[in-house]
PDB file of N, CA and C in Angstrom:
ATOM      1  N   MET A   1      -2.916  10.500 -31.633  1.00  0.00           N
ATOM      2  CA  MET A   1      -1.957  11.659 -31.645  1.00  0.00           C
ATOM      3  C   MET A   1      -1.221  11.996 -30.451  1.00  0.00           C
ATOM      4  N   VAL A   2      -1.700  11.645 -29.351  1.00  0.00           N
ATOM      5  CA  VAL A   2      -0.940  11.845 -28.041  1.00  0.00           C
ATOM      6  C   VAL A   2       0.156  10.811 -28.058  1.00  0.00           C
ATOM      7  N   GLY A   3       0.044   9.700 -28.291  1.00  0.00           N
ATOM      8  CA  GLY A   3       1.101   8.691 -28.423  1.00  0.00           C
ATOM      9  C   GLY A   3       2.113   9.142 -29.287  1.00  0.00           C
ATOM     10  N   THR A   4       1.952   9.659 -30.386  1.00  0.00           N
ATOM     11  CA  THR A   4       3.039  10.059 -31.418  1.00  0.00           C
ATOM     12  C   THR A   4       3.848  11.267 -30.624  1.00  0.00           C
ATOM     13  N   VAL A   5       3.233  12.159 -29.994  1.00  0.00           N
ATOM     14  CA  VAL A   5       3.763  13.349 -29.354  1.00  0.00           C
ATOM     15  C   VAL A   5       4.716  12.713 -28.346  1.00  0.00           C
ATOM     16  N   PHE A   6       4.241  11.785 -27.513  1.00  0.00           N
ATOM     17  CA  PHE A   6       5.042  11.233 -26.483  1.00  0.00           C
ATOM     18  C   PHE A   6       6.322  10.608 -27.281  1.00  0.00           C
ATOM     19  N   ASP A   7       6.153   9.768 -28.283  1.00  0.00           N
ATOM     20  CA  ASP A   7       7.227   9.088 -28.918  1.00  0.00           C
ATOM     21  C   ASP A   7       8.171  10.032 -29.347  1.00  0.00           C
ATOM     22  N   VAL A   8       7.702  11.107 -30.008  1.00  0.00           N
ATOM     23  CA  VAL A   8       8.704  12.029 -30.749  1.00  0.00           C
ATOM     24  C   VAL A   8       9.483  12.869 -29.581  1.00  0.00           C
ATOM     25  N   ALA A   9       8.884  13.038 -28.456  1.00  0.00           N
ATOM     26  CA  ALA A   9       9.510  13.712 -27.441  1.00  0.00           C
ATOM     27  C   ALA A   9      10.606  12.759 -26.549  1.00  0.00           C
ATOM     28  N   GLY A  10      10.440  11.530 -26.835  1.00  0.00           N
ATOM     29  CA  GLY A  10      11.293  10.562 -26.201  1.00  0.00           C
ATOM     30  C   GLY A  10      10.857  10.056 -24.844  1.00  0.00           C
ATOM     31  N   VAL A  11       9.724  10.164 -24.632  1.00  0.00           N
ATOM     32  CA  VAL A  11       8.951   9.808 -23.441  1.00  0.00           C
ATOM     33  C   VAL A  11       8.558   8.402 -23.510  1.00  0.00           C
ATOM     34  N   SER A  12       8.846   7.539 -22.628  1.00  0.00           N
ATOM     35  CA  SER A  12       8.686   5.949 -22.740  1.00  0.00           C
ATOM     36  C   SER A  12       7.387   5.726 -22.150  1.00  0.00           C
ATOM     37  N   GLN A  13       6.891   6.805 -21.250  1.00  0.00           N
ATOM     38  CA  GLN A  13       5.538   6.231 -20.515  1.00  0.00           C
ATOM     39  C   GLN A  13       4.504   6.623 -21.265  1.00  0.00           C
ATOM     40  N   LYS A  14       3.324   5.925 -21.158  1.00  0.00           N
ATOM     41  CA  LYS A  14       1.982   6.180 -21.633  1.00  0.00           C
ATOM     42  C   LYS A  14       1.242   7.170 -21.020  1.00  0.00           C
ATOM     43  N   PRO A  15       0.406   7.989 -21.581  1.00  0.00           N
ATOM     44  CA  PRO A  15      -0.336   9.133 -20.810  1.00  0.00           C
ATOM     45  C   PRO A  15      -0.733   8.750 -19.516  1.00  0.00           C
ATOM     46  N   VAL A  16      -1.457   7.588 -19.465  1.00  0.00           N
ATOM     47  CA  VAL A  16      -2.039   7.053 -18.225  1.00  0.00           C
ATOM     48  C   VAL A  16      -0.963   6.822 -17.078  1.00  0.00           C
ATOM     49  N   ASP A  17       0.287   6.376 -17.429  1.00  0.00           N
ATOM     50  CA  ASP A  17       1.347   6.426 -16.371  1.00  0.00           C
ATOM     51  C   ASP A  17       1.713   7.634 -16.036  1.00  0.00           C
ATOM     52  N   LEU A  18       1.689   8.706 -16.927  1.00  0.00           N
ATOM     53  CA  LEU A  18       2.094  10.045 -16.470  1.00  0.00           C
ATOM     54  C   LEU A  18       1.091  10.497 -15.555  1.00  0.00           C
ATOM     55  N   VAL A  19      -0.192  10.274 -15.662  1.00  0.00           N
ATOM     56  CA  VAL A  19      -1.408  10.756 -14.789  1.00  0.00           C
ATOM     57  C   VAL A  19      -1.282  10.173 -13.542  1.00  0.00           C
ATOM     58  N   LEU A  20      -0.949   8.764 -13.438  1.00  0.00           N
ATOM     59  CA  LEU A  20      -0.907   7.936 -12.174  1.00  0.00           C
ATOM     60  C   LEU A  20       0.461   8.485 -11.383  1.00  0.00           C
ATOM     61  N   ALA A  21       1.479   8.816 -12.108  1.00  0.00           N
ATOM     62  CA  ALA A  21       2.746   9.294 -11.368  1.00  0.00           C
ATOM     63  C   ALA A  21       2.443  10.768 -10.990  1.00  0.00           C
ATOM     64  N   GLY A  22       1.640  11.655 -11.549  1.00  0.00           N
ATOM     65  CA  GLY A  22       1.303  12.780 -10.636  1.00  0.00           C
ATOM     66  C   GLY A  22       0.362  12.631  -9.648  1.00  0.00           C
ATOM     67  N   PHE A  23      -0.499  11.510  -9.622  1.00  0.00           N
ATOM     68  CA  PHE A  23      -1.283  11.434  -8.562  1.00  0.00           C
ATOM     69  C   PHE A  23      -0.368  10.691  -7.460  1.00  0.00           C
ATOM     70  N   ARG A  24       0.570   9.922  -7.610  1.00  0.00           N
ATOM     71  CA  ARG A  24       1.504   9.451  -6.503  1.00  0.00           C
ATOM     72  C   ARG A  24       2.174  10.654  -5.936  1.00  0.00           C
ATOM     73  N   LYS A  25       2.686  11.475  -6.900  1.00  0.00           N
ATOM     74  CA  LYS A  25       3.517  12.535  -6.215  1.00  0.00           C
ATOM     75  C   LYS A  25       2.746  13.436  -5.431  1.00  0.00           C
ATOM     76  N   TYR A  26       1.443  13.974  -5.803  1.00  0.00           N
ATOM     77  CA  TYR A  26       0.680  14.753  -5.186  1.00  0.00           C
ATOM     78  C   TYR A  26       0.096  14.198  -3.772  1.00  0.00           C
ATOM     79  N   TYR A  27      -0.293  12.808  -3.909  1.00  0.00           N
ATOM     80  CA  TYR A  27      -0.918  12.436  -2.762  1.00  0.00           C
ATOM     81  C   TYR A  27       0.184  11.546  -1.945  1.00  0.00           C
ATOM     82  N   GLY A  28       1.376  11.052  -2.445  1.00  0.00           N
ATOM     83  CA  GLY A  28       2.347  10.630  -1.644  1.00  0.00           C
ATOM     84  C   GLY A  28       2.225   9.020  -1.823  1.00  0.00           C
ATOM     85  N   GLY A  29       1.422   8.725  -2.691  1.00  0.00           N
ATOM     86  CA  GLY A  29       1.199   7.249  -3.004  1.00  0.00           C
ATOM     87  C   GLY A  29      -0.095   7.048  -3.877  1.00  0.00           C
ATOM     88  N   LEU A  30      -0.474   5.893  -4.017  1.00  0.00           N
ATOM     89  CA  LEU A  30      -1.665   5.452  -4.725  1.00  0.00           C
ATOM     90  C   LEU A  30      -2.370   4.337  -4.175  1.00  0.00           C
ATOM     91  N   TRP A  31      -3.828   4.575  -3.853  1.00  0.00           N
ATOM     92  CA  TRP A  31      -4.546   3.211  -3.189  1.00  0.00           C
ATOM     93  C   TRP A  31      -4.627   2.385  -4.272  1.00  0.00           C
ATOM     94  N   VAL A  32      -4.347   1.160  -3.653  1.00  0.00           N
ATOM     95  CA  VAL A  32      -4.621   0.074  -4.583  1.00  0.00           C
ATOM     96  C   VAL A  32      -5.284  -1.173  -3.907  1.00  0.00           C
ATOM     97  N   GLY A  33      -6.147  -1.671  -4.486  1.00  0.00           N
ATOM     98  CA  GLY A  33      -7.172  -2.844  -4.055  1.00  0.00           C
ATOM     99  C   GLY A  33      -6.284  -3.951  -3.906  1.00  0.00           C
ATOM    100  N   GLY A  34      -6.624  -4.833  -2.818  1.00  0.00           N
ATOM    101  CA  GLY A  34      -5.915  -6.150  -2.678  1.00  0.00           C
ATOM    102  C   GLY A  34      -6.443  -6.653  -1.454  1.00  0.00           C
ATOM    103  N   ARG A  35      -5.471  -7.741  -0.946  1.00  0.00           N
ATOM    104  CA  ARG A  35      -5.769  -8.415   0.226  1.00  0.00           C
ATOM    105  C   ARG A  35      -4.649  -8.215   1.289  1.00  0.00           C
ATOM    106  N   ILE A  36      -4.952  -8.338   2.521  1.00  0.00           N
ATOM    107  CA  ILE A  36      -3.982  -8.303   3.647  1.00  0.00           C
ATOM    108  C   ILE A  36      -4.142  -9.567   4.455  1.00  0.00           C
ATOM    109  N   LYS A  37      -3.118 -10.213   4.673  1.00  0.00           N
ATOM    110  CA  LYS A  37      -2.927 -11.421   5.654  1.00  0.00           C
ATOM    111  C   LYS A  37      -1.987 -11.259   6.622  1.00  0.00           C
ATOM    112  N   VAL A  38      -2.362 -11.484   7.857  1.00  0.00           N
ATOM    113  CA  VAL A  38      -1.700 -11.245   9.030  1.00  0.00           C
ATOM    114  C   VAL A  38      -1.494 -12.671   9.669  1.00  0.00           C
ATOM    115  N   THR A  39      -0.164 -12.909   9.979  1.00  0.00           N
ATOM    116  CA  THR A  39       0.214 -14.215  10.621  1.00  0.00           C
ATOM    117  C   THR A  39       0.797 -13.856  11.877  1.00  0.00           C
ATOM    118  N   ALA A  40       1.382 -14.802  12.538  1.00  0.00           N
ATOM    119  CA  ALA A  40       2.027 -14.625  13.881  1.00  0.00           C
ATOM    120  C   ALA A  40       3.328 -13.983  13.692  1.00  0.00           C
ATOM    121  N   SER A  41       3.913 -13.849  12.335  1.00  0.00           N
ATOM    122  CA  SER A  41       5.193 -13.166  12.239  1.00  0.00           C
ATOM    123  C   SER A  41       5.362 -12.125  11.243  1.00  0.00           C
ATOM    124  N   ALA A  42       4.241 -12.010  10.496  1.00  0.00           N
ATOM    125  CA  ALA A  42       4.240 -11.112   9.186  1.00  0.00           C
ATOM    126  C   ALA A  42       3.000 -10.594   8.717  1.00  0.00           C
ATOM    127  N   ILE A  43       2.990  -9.449   8.088  1.00  0.00           N
ATOM    128  CA  ILE A  43       1.792  -9.057   7.246  1.00  0.00           C
ATOM    129  C   ILE A  43       2.196  -9.087   5.960  1.00  0.00           C
ATOM    130  N   ALA A  44       1.236  -9.878   5.143  1.00  0.00           N
ATOM    131  CA  ALA A  44       1.506  -9.775   3.654  1.00  0.00           C
ATOM    132  C   ALA A  44       0.319  -9.079   2.935  1.00  0.00           C
ATOM    133  N   ILE A  45       0.760  -8.116   2.182  1.00  0.00           N
ATOM    134  CA  ILE A  45      -0.020  -7.389   1.397  1.00  0.00           C
ATOM    135  C   ILE A  45      -0.042  -7.600  -0.217  1.00  0.00           C
ATOM    136  N   ALA A  46      -1.092  -7.914  -0.810  1.00  0.00           N
ATOM    137  CA  ALA A  46      -0.962  -8.334  -2.201  1.00  0.00           C
ATOM    138  C   ALA A  46      -2.101  -7.538  -3.100  1.00  0.00           C
ATOM    139  N   PRO A  47      -1.792  -7.081  -4.301  1.00  0.00           N
ATOM    140  CA  PRO A  47      -2.696  -6.273  -4.823  1.00  0.00           C
ATOM    141  C   PRO A  47      -3.651  -7.290  -5.634  1.00  0.00           C
ATOM    142  N   ASN A  48      -4.817  -6.913  -5.790  1.00  0.00           N
ATOM    143  CA  ASN A  48      -5.755  -7.889  -6.564  1.00  0.00           C
ATOM    144  C   ASN A  48      -5.417  -7.906  -8.116  1.00  0.00           C
ATOM    145  N   LEU A  49      -6.186  -8.664  -8.861  1.00  0.00           N
ATOM    146  CA  LEU A  49      -5.851  -9.179 -10.085  1.00  0.00           C
ATOM    147  C   LEU A  49      -5.996  -7.777 -10.921  1.00  0.00           C
ATOM    148  N   MET A  50      -7.031  -7.151 -10.830  1.00  0.00           N
ATOM    149  CA  MET A  50      -7.293  -6.025 -11.596  1.00  0.00           C
ATOM    150  C   MET A  50      -5.973  -4.965 -11.511  1.00  0.00           C
ATOM    151  N   ASN A  51      -5.601  -4.762 -10.282  1.00  0.00           N
ATOM    152  CA  ASN A  51      -4.521  -3.782 -10.199  1.00  0.00           C
ATOM    153  C   ASN A  51      -3.207  -4.317 -10.716  1.00  0.00           C
ATOM    154  N   ARG A  52      -3.087  -5.622 -10.351  1.00  0.00           N
ATOM    155  CA  ARG A  52      -1.822  -6.186 -11.148  1.00  0.00           C
ATOM    156  C   ARG A  52      -1.696  -5.901 -12.601  1.00  0.00           C
ATOM    157  N   ALA A  53      -3.060  -6.110 -13.137  1.00  0.00           N
ATOM    158  CA  ALA A  53      -3.129  -5.918 -14.774  1.00  0.00           C
ATOM    159  C   ALA A  53      -2.808  -4.461 -15.262  1.00  0.00           C
ATOM    160  N   VAL A  54      -3.119  -3.511 -14.406  1.00  0.00           N
ATOM    161  CA  VAL A  54      -2.966  -2.224 -14.601  1.00  0.00           C
ATOM    162  C   VAL A  54      -1.697  -1.442 -14.248  1.00  0.00           C
ATOM    163  N   HIS A  55      -1.312  -2.058 -13.161  1.00  0.00           N
ATOM    164  CA  HIS A  55       0.064  -1.530 -12.579  1.00  0.00           C
ATOM    165  C   HIS A  55       1.045  -2.508 -12.644  1.00  0.00           C
ATOM    166  N   HIS A  56       1.800  -2.925 -13.698  1.00  0.00           N
ATOM    167  CA  HIS A  56       2.572  -3.937 -13.877  1.00  0.00           C
ATOM    168  C   HIS A  56       3.873  -4.106 -12.826  1.00  0.00           C
ATOM    169  N   GLU A  57       4.157  -2.790 -12.363  1.00  0.00           N
ATOM    170  CA  GLU A  57       5.254  -2.626 -11.307  1.00  0.00           C
ATOM    171  C   GLU A  57       4.813  -3.105  -9.851  1.00  0.00           C
ATOM    172  N   LEU A  58       3.678  -3.222  -9.757  1.00  0.00           N
ATOM    173  CA  LEU A  58       3.089  -3.588  -8.286  1.00  0.00           C
ATOM    174  C   LEU A  58       3.592  -5.023  -8.077  1.00  0.00           C
ATOM    175  N   ALA A  59       4.024  -5.068  -6.657  1.00  0.00           N
ATOM    176  CA  ALA A  59       4.216  -6.524  -6.250  1.00  0.00           C
ATOM    177  C   ALA A  59       3.732  -6.732  -4.903  1.00  0.00           C
ATOM    178  N   SER A  60       3.769  -7.846  -4.397  1.00  0.00           N
ATOM    179  CA  SER A  60       3.168  -8.083  -3.158  1.00  0.00           C
ATOM    180  C   SER A  60       4.391  -7.636  -2.171  1.00  0.00           C
ATOM    181  N   ILE A  61       4.031  -7.219  -0.808  1.00  0.00           N
ATOM    182  CA  ILE A  61       5.021  -6.984   0.136  1.00  0.00           C
ATOM    183  C   ILE A  61       4.712  -7.820   1.380  1.00  0.00           C
ATOM    184  N   GLU A  62       5.735  -7.961   2.124  1.00  0.00           N
ATOM    185  CA  GLU A  62       5.759  -8.412   3.475  1.00  0.00           C
ATOM    186  C   GLU A  62       6.245  -7.609   4.361  1.00  0.00           C
ATOM    187  N   LEU A  63       5.706  -7.526   5.621  1.00  0.00           N
ATOM    188  CA  LEU A  63       6.345  -6.618   6.781  1.00  0.00           C
ATOM    189  C   LEU A  63       6.422  -7.554   7.985  1.00  0.00           C
ATOM    190  N   ARG A  64       7.703  -7.807   8.184  1.00  0.00           N
ATOM    191  CA  ARG A  64       7.804  -8.500   9.452  1.00  0.00           C
ATOM    192  C   ARG A  64       7.392  -7.729  10.757  1.00  0.00           C
ATOM    193  N   LEU A  65       6.629  -8.729  11.557  1.00  0.00           N
ATOM    194  CA  LEU A  65       6.052  -7.852  12.882  1.00  0.00           C
ATOM    195  C   LEU A  65       7.174  -7.304  13.628  1.00  0.00           C
ATOM    196  N   VAL A  66       8.229  -8.054  13.640  1.00  0.00           N
ATOM    197  CA  VAL A  66       9.366  -7.447  14.605  1.00  0.00           C
ATOM    198  C   VAL A  66       9.737  -6.127  14.102  1.00  0.00           C
ATOM    199  N   ASP A  67       9.603  -5.783  12.850  1.00  0.00           N
ATOM    200  CA  ASP A  67      10.268  -4.609  12.227  1.00  0.00           C
ATOM    201  C   ASP A  67       9.180  -3.361  12.372  1.00  0.00           C
ATOM    202  N   LEU A  68       8.036  -3.741  13.015  1.00  0.00           N
ATOM    203  CA  LEU A  68       7.051  -2.645  13.253  1.00  0.00           C
ATOM    204  C   LEU A  68       7.218  -1.529  14.304  1.00  0.00           C
ATOM    205  N   GLU A  69       7.320  -0.407  14.304  1.00  0.00           N
ATOM    206  CA  GLU A  69       7.497   0.795  15.207  1.00  0.00           C
ATOM    207  C   GLU A  69       6.133   1.022  15.893  1.00  0.00           C
ATOM    208  N   SER A  70       5.098   1.238  15.005  1.00  0.00           N
ATOM    209  CA  SER A  70       3.804   1.589  15.530  1.00  0.00           C
ATOM    210  C   SER A  70       2.781   0.878  14.525  1.00  0.00           C
ATOM    211  N   VAL A  71       1.705   1.004  15.083  1.00  0.00           N
ATOM    212  CA  VAL A  71       0.431   0.534  14.197  1.00  0.00           C
ATOM    213  C   VAL A  71      -0.680   1.811  14.574  1.00  0.00           C
ATOM    214  N   GLU A  72      -1.130   2.637  13.605  1.00  0.00           N
ATOM    215  CA  GLU A  72      -1.936   3.687  14.207  1.00  0.00           C
ATOM    216  C   GLU A  72      -3.178   3.225  13.207  1.00  0.00           C
ATOM    217  N   VAL A  73      -4.321   3.943  13.796  1.00  0.00           N
ATOM    218  CA  VAL A  73      -5.481   4.032  12.977  1.00  0.00           C
ATOM    219  C   VAL A  73      -5.852   5.571  12.827  1.00  0.00           C
ATOM    220  N   LEU A  74      -6.044   5.814  11.451  1.00  0.00           N
ATOM    221  CA  LEU A  74      -6.297   7.211  11.024  1.00  0.00           C
ATOM    222  C   LEU A  74      -7.373   7.199  10.581  1.00  0.00           C
ATOM    223  N   PRO A  75      -8.257   8.400  10.545  1.00  0.00           N
ATOM    224  CA  PRO A  75      -9.491   8.734  10.148  1.00  0.00           C
ATOM    225  C   PRO A  75      -9.448   8.428   8.572  1.00  0.00           C
ATOM    226  N   GLY A  76     -10.906   8.094   8.249  1.00  0.00           N
ATOM    227  CA  GLY A  76     -11.163   7.955   6.688  1.00  0.00           C
ATOM    228  C   GLY A  76     -12.534   8.199   6.503  1.00  0.00           C
ATOM    229  N   PHE A  77     -12.852   8.362   5.264  1.00  0.00           N
ATOM    230  CA  PHE A  77     -14.352   8.506   4.857  1.00  0.00           C
ATOM    231  C   PHE A  77     -14.867   7.149   4.649  1.00  0.00           C
ATOM    232  N   VAL A  78     -15.701   6.547   5.213  1.00  0.00           N
ATOM    233  CA  VAL A  78     -16.404   5.322   5.149  1.00  0.00           C
ATOM    234  C   VAL A  78     -15.561   4.182   5.912  1.00  0.00           C
ATOM    235  N   THR A  79     -14.248   4.113   5.286  1.00  0.00           N
ATOM    236  CA  THR A  79     -13.359   3.226   6.171  1.00  0.00           C
ATOM    237  C   THR A  79     -12.156   3.836   6.742  1.00  0.00           C
ATOM    238  N   LYS A  80     -11.725   3.254   7.908  1.00  0.00           N
ATOM    239  CA  LYS A  80     -10.518   3.898   8.520  1.00  0.00           C
ATOM    240  C   LYS A  80      -9.361   3.405   7.802  1.00  0.00           C
ATOM    241  N   ILE A  81      -8.058   3.849   8.301  1.00  0.00           N
ATOM    242  CA  ILE A  81      -6.869   3.521   7.603  1.00  0.00           C
ATOM    243  C   ILE A  81      -5.814   3.005   8.820  1.00  0.00           C
ATOM    244  N   ILE A  82      -5.103   1.888   8.588  1.00  0.00           N
ATOM    245  CA  ILE A  82      -4.022   1.685   9.394  1.00  0.00           C
ATOM    246  C   ILE A  82      -2.943   1.888   8.924  1.00  0.00           C
ATOM    247  N   ALA A  83      -1.926   2.771   9.598  1.00  0.00           N
ATOM    248  CA  ALA A  83      -0.765   3.093   9.243  1.00  0.00           C
ATOM    249  C   ALA A  83       0.267   2.080   9.905  1.00  0.00           C
ATOM    250  N   LEU A  84       1.137   1.290   9.178  1.00  0.00           N
ATOM    251  CA  LEU A  84       2.007   0.396   9.749  1.00  0.00           C
ATOM    252  C   LEU A  84       3.413   1.146   9.504  1.00  0.00           C
ATOM    253  N   ARG A  85       4.032   1.505  10.521  1.00  0.00           N
ATOM    254  CA  ARG A  85       5.300   2.246  10.410  1.00  0.00           C
ATOM    255  C   ARG A  85       6.528   1.183  10.887  1.00  0.00           C
ATOM    256  N   THR A  86       7.361   1.065   9.879  1.00  0.00           N
ATOM    257  CA  THR A  86       8.826   0.333  10.066  1.00  0.00           C
ATOM    258  C   THR A  86       9.856   1.464  10.020  1.00  0.00           C
ATOM    259  N   PRO A  87      11.011   1.166  10.228  1.00  0.00           N
ATOM    260  CA  PRO A  87      12.262   2.246  10.457  1.00  0.00           C
ATOM    261  C   PRO A  87      12.263   2.790   8.881  1.00  0.00           C
ATOM    262  N   GLU A  88      12.082   2.129   7.776  1.00  0.00           N
ATOM    263  CA  GLU A  88      12.041   2.674   6.337  1.00  0.00           C
ATOM    264  C   GLU A  88      10.983   3.167   5.843  1.00  0.00           C
ATOM    265  N   HIS A  89       9.678   2.817   6.117  1.00  0.00           N
ATOM    266  CA  HIS A  89       8.449   2.957   5.470  1.00  0.00           C
ATOM    267  C   HIS A  89       7.213   3.252   6.338  1.00  0.00           C
ATOM    268  N   VAL A  90       6.222   3.797   5.827  1.00  0.00           N
ATOM    269  CA  VAL A  90       4.872   3.684   6.377  1.00  0.00           C
ATOM    270  C   VAL A  90       4.033   3.340   5.293  1.00  0.00           C
ATOM    271  N   VAL A  91       3.455   2.066   5.669  1.00  0.00           N
ATOM    272  CA  VAL A  91       2.401   1.369   4.769  1.00  0.00           C
ATOM    273  C   VAL A  91       1.025   1.706   5.237  1.00  0.00           C
ATOM    274  N   LYS A  92       0.068   2.019   4.301  1.00  0.00           N
ATOM    275  CA  LYS A  92      -1.232   2.292   4.824  1.00  0.00           C
ATOM    276  C   LYS A  92      -2.190   1.388   4.246  1.00  0.00           C
ATOM    277  N   VAL A  93      -3.061   0.939   5.048  1.00  0.00           N
ATOM    278  CA  VAL A  93      -3.910   0.038   4.557  1.00  0.00           C
ATOM    279  C   VAL A  93      -5.380   0.558   4.804  1.00  0.00           C
ATOM    280  N   ARG A  94      -6.320   0.700   4.069  1.00  0.00           N
ATOM    281  CA  ARG A  94      -7.758   1.020   4.188  1.00  0.00           C
ATOM    282  C   ARG A  94      -8.567  -0.128   4.244  1.00  0.00           C
ATOM    283  N   CYS A  95      -9.351  -0.465   5.197  1.00  0.00           N
ATOM    284  CA  CYS A  95     -10.287  -1.630   5.395  1.00  0.00           C
ATOM    285  C   CYS A  95     -11.257  -1.236   6.406  1.00  0.00           C
ATOM    286  N   TYR A  96     -12.360  -2.129   6.046  1.00  0.00           N
ATOM    287  CA  TYR A  96     -13.255  -2.322   7.056  1.00  0.00           C
ATOM    288  C   TYR A  96     -12.858  -2.868   8.362  1.00  0.00           C
ATOM    289  N   GLY A  97     -13.341  -2.532   9.555  1.00  0.00           N
ATOM    290  CA  GLY A  97     -12.864  -3.380  10.637  1.00  0.00           C
ATOM    291  C   GLY A  97     -11.437  -2.815  11.168  1.00  0.00           C
ATOM    292  N   ALA A  98     -10.988  -1.651  10.570  1.00  0.00           N
ATOM    293  CA  ALA A  98      -9.527  -1.177  10.823  1.00  0.00           C
ATOM    294  C   ALA A  98      -9.169  -1.200  12.212  1.00  0.00           C
ATOM    295  N   PRO A  99      -9.986  -0.728  13.248  1.00  0.00           N
ATOM    296  CA  PRO A  99      -9.613  -0.506  14.691  1.00  0.00           C
ATOM    297  C   PRO A  99      -9.337  -1.980  15.283  1.00  0.00           C
ATOM    298  N   ALA A 100     -10.282  -3.014  15.016  1.00  0.00           N
ATOM    299  CA  ALA A 100     -10.066  -4.361  15.413  1.00  0.00           C
ATOM    300  C   ALA A 100      -8.903  -5.078  14.816  1.00  0.00           C
ATOM    301  N   LEU A 101      -8.488  -4.793  13.518  1.00  0.00           N
ATOM    302  CA  LEU A 101      -7.508  -5.300  12.849  1.00  0.00           C
ATOM    303  C   LEU A 101      -6.145  -4.746  13.296  1.00  0.00           C
ATOM    304  N   ALA A 102      -6.102  -3.593  13.550  1.00  0.00           N
ATOM    305  CA  ALA A 102      -4.846  -2.773  14.021  1.00  0.00           C
ATOM    306  C   ALA A 102      -4.594  -3.288  15.399  1.00  0.00           C
ATOM    307  N   GLN A 103      -5.609  -3.648  16.266  1.00  0.00           N
ATOM    308  CA  GLN A 103      -5.442  -3.981  17.694  1.00  0.00           C
ATOM    309  C   GLN A 103      -4.825  -5.577  17.466  1.00  0.00           C
ATOM    310  N   GLN A 104      -5.435  -6.254  16.632  1.00  0.00           N
ATOM    311  CA  GLN A 104      -4.929  -7.664  16.485  1.00  0.00           C
ATOM    312  C   GLN A 104      -3.413  -7.579  15.964  1.00  0.00           C
ATOM    313  N   ILE A 105      -3.008  -6.686  15.053  1.00  0.00           N
ATOM    314  CA  ILE A 105      -1.749  -6.581  14.591  1.00  0.00           C
ATOM    315  C   ILE A 105      -0.650  -6.406  15.747  1.00  0.00           C
ATOM    316  N   ARG A 106      -1.167  -5.324  16.645  1.00  0.00           N
ATOM    317  CA  ARG A 106      -0.335  -4.670  17.886  1.00  0.00           C
ATOM    318  C   ARG A 106      -0.148  -5.914  18.676  1.00  0.00           C
ATOM    319  N   GLU A 107      -1.179  -6.706  18.989  1.00  0.00           N
ATOM    320  CA  GLU A 107      -0.988  -7.925  19.878  1.00  0.00           C
ATOM    321  C   GLU A 107       0.032  -8.852  19.342  1.00  0.00           C
ATOM    322  N   LEU A 108      -0.106  -9.123  18.047  1.00  0.00           N
ATOM    323  CA  LEU A 108       0.787 -10.228  17.445  1.00  0.00           C
ATOM    324  C   LEU A 108       2.261  -9.746  17.435  1.00  0.00           C
ATOM    325  N   ALA A 109       2.402  -8.353  17.104  1.00  0.00           N
ATOM    326  CA  ALA A 109       3.676  -7.830  16.969  1.00  0.00           C
ATOM    327  C   ALA A 109       4.387  -7.754  18.386  1.00  0.00           C
ATOM    328  N   ALA A 110       3.453  -7.550  19.551  1.00  0.00           N
ATOM    329  CA  ALA A 110       4.071  -7.572  20.856  1.00  0.00           C
ATOM    330  C   ALA A 110       4.478  -9.109  21.172  1.00  0.00           C
ATOM    331  N   ARG A 111       3.834  -9.952  20.756  1.00  0.00           N
ATOM    332  CA  ARG A 111       4.206 -11.412  20.975  1.00  0.00           C
ATOM    333  C   ARG A 111       5.447 -11.687  20.301  1.00  0.00           C
ATOM    334  N   ALA A 112       5.607 -11.187  18.935  1.00  0.00           N
ATOM    335  CA  ALA A 112       6.806 -11.578  18.130  1.00  0.00           C
ATOM    336  C   ALA A 112       7.972 -10.776  18.577  1.00  0.00           C
ATOM    337  N   THR A 113       7.947  -9.706  19.179  1.00  0.00           N
ATOM    338  CA  THR A 113       9.058  -9.139  19.859  1.00  0.00           C
ATOM    339  C   THR A 113       9.431  -9.572  21.125  1.00  0.00           C
ATOM    340  N   GLY A 114       8.563 -10.330  21.785  1.00  0.00           N
ATOM    341  CA  GLY A 114       8.997 -11.184  23.034  1.00  0.00           C
ATOM    342  C   GLY A 114       8.907 -10.021  24.246  1.00  0.00           C
TER     343      GLY A 114
END
């Protein structure tokens, strides 16, 4: 019945998409499971298979280390959060070992910017 109501109303989103959109709006984003890979020049973040299956619009992102303005460690419950700030965005990563990973990213970014 809900699907029919949405079709009649001309809404193309499924109810779950509307709920997720509400979470994104309220919380300023959505936590997505995945992997982070740090190299000497960039940080690659990719959603895991389950999240790619549920959130079709998700794509992997890459942040160049030379574009980082700051790397901050924020408090979190059980795991801490790393905030990666660029001129356009703030990307947040929640992980175990966040302080050590943040320090590694800072050191690599300092080398990348020379």
